[in-house]
Amino acid sequence: NKVKSDHARRAMEIEYNAQIAPRLAELSPNKLSAEEAKIGMLLLLKRSPEKIAAAQAQVTNWKTLAQSIVQFTSRQPTGWRELDQQCERAKAFALACMDSFDLLLQMLASPQPPSQPQWEQWRARQHAADQLWRAVQELSTAGE
């Protein structure tokens, strides 16, 4: 029974590494910050419909990645504390990203540049996601 239990745990770890970890990497602050900065500049400058559409498509793709992380991590706890904690942190990070992406999509949809409160709200949401990313990374390195 112990062998079967260890086998099941290993299978879940393999699934996490195959399905969740690559998606998390695509949404890492290091990966997104330059692109988000470009989109931020686009919001401030004279905005061509083509560039706005491309930015909306990119943000929508990021949101889809975040949604898939939430889907993969929204299952019954495994009973293995480390794996369950990693899934919970990944899910919290993905939800924070979705929150940030939702606001960014709203700002992109508006014909007007974002207001100062909108900018501050978006920055706060990005910061929240960054903090959660650090928590995901801390648990990842602690488990190795």
Protein backbone atom coordinates (compact mmCIF):
# COMPACT_ATOMS: atom_id res chain seq x y z
CA ASN A 1 0.00 0.00 0.00
CA LYS A 2 2.92 2.32 0.76
CA VAL A 3 4.34 1.60 -2.70
CA LYS A 4 0.97 2.39 -4.28
CA SER A 5 0.74 5.62 -2.25
CA ASP A 6 4.25 6.68 -3.24
CA HIS A 7 3.43 5.85 -6.84
CA ALA A 8 0.29 8.03 -6.72
CA ARG A 9 2.22 10.90 -5.18
CA ARG A 10 4.91 10.67 -7.85
CA ALA A 11 2.24 10.65 -10.57
CA MET A 12 0.73 13.83 -9.11
CA GLU A 13 4.14 15.49 -8.91
CA ILE A 14 4.78 14.56 -12.54
CA GLU A 15 1.42 16.06 -13.52
CA TYR A 16 2.22 19.25 -11.58
CA ASN A 17 5.60 19.54 -13.30
CA ALA A 18 4.09 18.84 -16.73
CA GLN A 19 0.87 20.84 -16.52
CA ILE A 20 1.28 23.61 -13.95
CA ALA A 21 4.97 24.50 -13.69
CA PRO A 22 5.39 25.46 -17.38
CA ARG A 23 2.29 27.66 -17.24
CA LEU A 24 3.55 29.32 -14.06
CA ALA A 25 6.85 30.05 -15.80
CA GLU A 26 5.00 31.76 -18.65
CA LEU A 27 3.33 34.10 -16.13
CA SER A 28 6.40 34.81 -14.00
CA PRO A 29 7.04 38.49 -13.29
CA ASN A 30 10.42 38.21 -15.03
CA LYS A 31 8.71 36.95 -18.17
CA LEU A 32 5.80 39.45 -18.14
CA SER A 33 7.28 42.70 -16.81
CA ALA A 34 8.77 43.93 -20.11
CA GLU A 35 5.61 43.10 -22.05
CA GLU A 36 3.38 44.70 -19.41
CA ALA A 37 5.57 47.82 -19.53
CA LYS A 38 5.11 48.00 -23.31
CA ILE A 39 1.35 47.66 -22.89
CA GLY A 40 1.43 50.36 -20.22
CA MET A 41 3.18 52.71 -22.63
CA LEU A 42 0.64 51.83 -25.30
CA LEU A 43 -2.11 52.89 -22.90
CA LEU A 44 -0.50 56.32 -22.48
CA LEU A 45 0.38 57.03 -26.09
CA LYS A 46 -1.76 57.55 -29.15
CA ARG A 47 -3.22 54.10 -29.56
CA SER A 48 -3.66 52.44 -32.90
CA PRO A 49 -6.51 49.92 -33.08
CA GLU A 50 -4.11 47.26 -34.38
CA LYS A 51 -1.72 47.64 -31.45
CA ILE A 52 -4.59 47.65 -28.96
CA ALA A 53 -6.02 44.48 -30.53
CA ALA A 54 -2.61 42.79 -30.37
CA ALA A 55 -2.18 43.80 -26.72
CA GLN A 56 -5.69 42.56 -25.88
CA ALA A 57 -4.92 39.23 -27.55
CA GLN A 58 -1.69 38.90 -25.58
CA VAL A 59 -3.35 39.70 -22.25
CA THR A 60 -6.20 37.32 -23.08
CA ASN A 61 -3.64 34.57 -23.72
CA TRP A 62 -2.04 35.26 -20.34
CA LYS A 63 -5.45 35.14 -18.70
CA THR A 64 -6.16 31.77 -20.37
CA LEU A 65 -2.88 30.42 -18.98
CA ALA A 66 -3.84 31.64 -15.50
CA GLN A 67 -7.29 30.05 -15.84
CA SER A 68 -5.71 26.72 -16.77
CA ILE A 69 -3.51 26.87 -13.64
CA VAL A 70 -6.61 27.49 -11.53
CA GLN A 71 -8.33 24.55 -13.23
CA PHE A 72 -5.41 22.17 -12.58
CA THR A 73 -5.03 23.28 -8.97
CA SER A 74 -8.75 23.24 -8.10
CA ARG A 75 -9.04 19.63 -7.14
CA GLN A 76 -9.27 17.69 -3.94
CA PRO A 77 -6.20 17.96 -1.73
CA THR A 78 -3.81 15.06 -2.24
CA GLY A 79 -3.00 14.62 1.42
CA TRP A 80 0.65 15.41 0.75
CA ARG A 81 1.27 18.69 2.51
CA GLU A 82 4.06 20.01 0.26
CA LEU A 83 2.22 19.27 -2.96
CA ASP A 84 -1.06 20.65 -1.62
CA GLN A 85 0.67 23.84 -0.45
CA GLN A 86 2.38 24.25 -3.81
CA CYS A 87 -0.96 23.86 -5.62
CA GLU A 88 -2.66 26.37 -3.29
CA ARG A 89 0.09 28.93 -3.81
CA ALA A 90 0.07 28.39 -7.57
CA LYS A 91 -3.70 28.84 -7.58
CA ALA A 92 -3.51 32.05 -5.49
CA PHE A 93 -0.86 33.42 -7.85
CA ALA A 94 -2.94 32.56 -10.92
CA LEU A 95 -6.05 34.19 -9.43
CA ALA A 96 -4.06 37.35 -8.68
CA CYS A 97 -2.78 37.37 -12.25
CA MET A 98 -6.31 37.00 -13.58
CA ASP A 99 -7.38 39.95 -11.44
CA SER A 100 -4.56 42.08 -12.86
CA PHE A 101 -5.27 40.94 -16.42
CA ASP A 102 -8.98 41.73 -16.06
CA LEU A 103 -8.19 45.31 -15.10
CA LEU A 104 -5.62 45.61 -17.88
CA LEU A 105 -8.20 44.40 -20.41
CA GLN A 106 -10.68 46.98 -19.11
CA MET A 107 -8.09 49.72 -19.51
CA LEU A 108 -7.26 48.54 -23.03
CA ALA A 109 -10.95 48.53 -23.96
CA SER A 110 -11.38 52.17 -22.90
CA PRO A 111 -10.78 54.85 -25.54
CA GLN A 112 -9.33 57.10 -22.81
CA PRO A 113 -5.97 56.68 -21.11
CA PRO A 114 -6.28 55.14 -17.65
CA SER A 115 -6.93 57.45 -14.72
CA GLN A 116 -4.41 57.74 -11.88
CA PRO A 117 -6.58 55.54 -9.61
CA GLN A 118 -6.76 52.89 -12.34
CA TRP A 119 -2.97 52.93 -12.70
CA GLU A 120 -2.56 52.62 -8.95
CA GLN A 121 -5.07 49.78 -8.80
CA TRP A 122 -3.32 47.93 -11.63
CA ARG A 123 0.09 48.41 -9.98
CA ALA A 124 -1.34 47.13 -6.69
CA ARG A 125 -2.72 44.04 -8.44
CA GLN A 126 0.62 43.43 -10.15
CA HIS A 127 2.40 43.80 -6.82
CA ALA A 128 0.02 41.31 -5.19
CA ALA A 129 0.71 38.79 -7.97
CA ASP A 130 4.48 39.39 -7.62
CA GLN A 131 4.29 38.69 -3.88
CA LEU A 132 2.40 35.47 -4.51
CA TRP A 133 4.95 34.49 -7.17
CA ARG A 134 7.69 34.81 -4.56
CA ALA A 135 5.69 32.51 -2.27
CA VAL A 136 5.39 29.94 -5.08
CA GLN A 137 9.12 30.16 -5.71
CA GLU A 138 10.02 29.87 -2.00
CA LEU A 139 7.99 26.68 -1.64
CA SER A 140 9.43 25.28 -4.89
CA THR A 141 12.99 25.76 -3.72
CA ALA A 142 12.23 24.54 -0.20
CA GLY A 143 10.88 21.28 -1.64
CA GLU A 144 14.01 20.53 -3.69
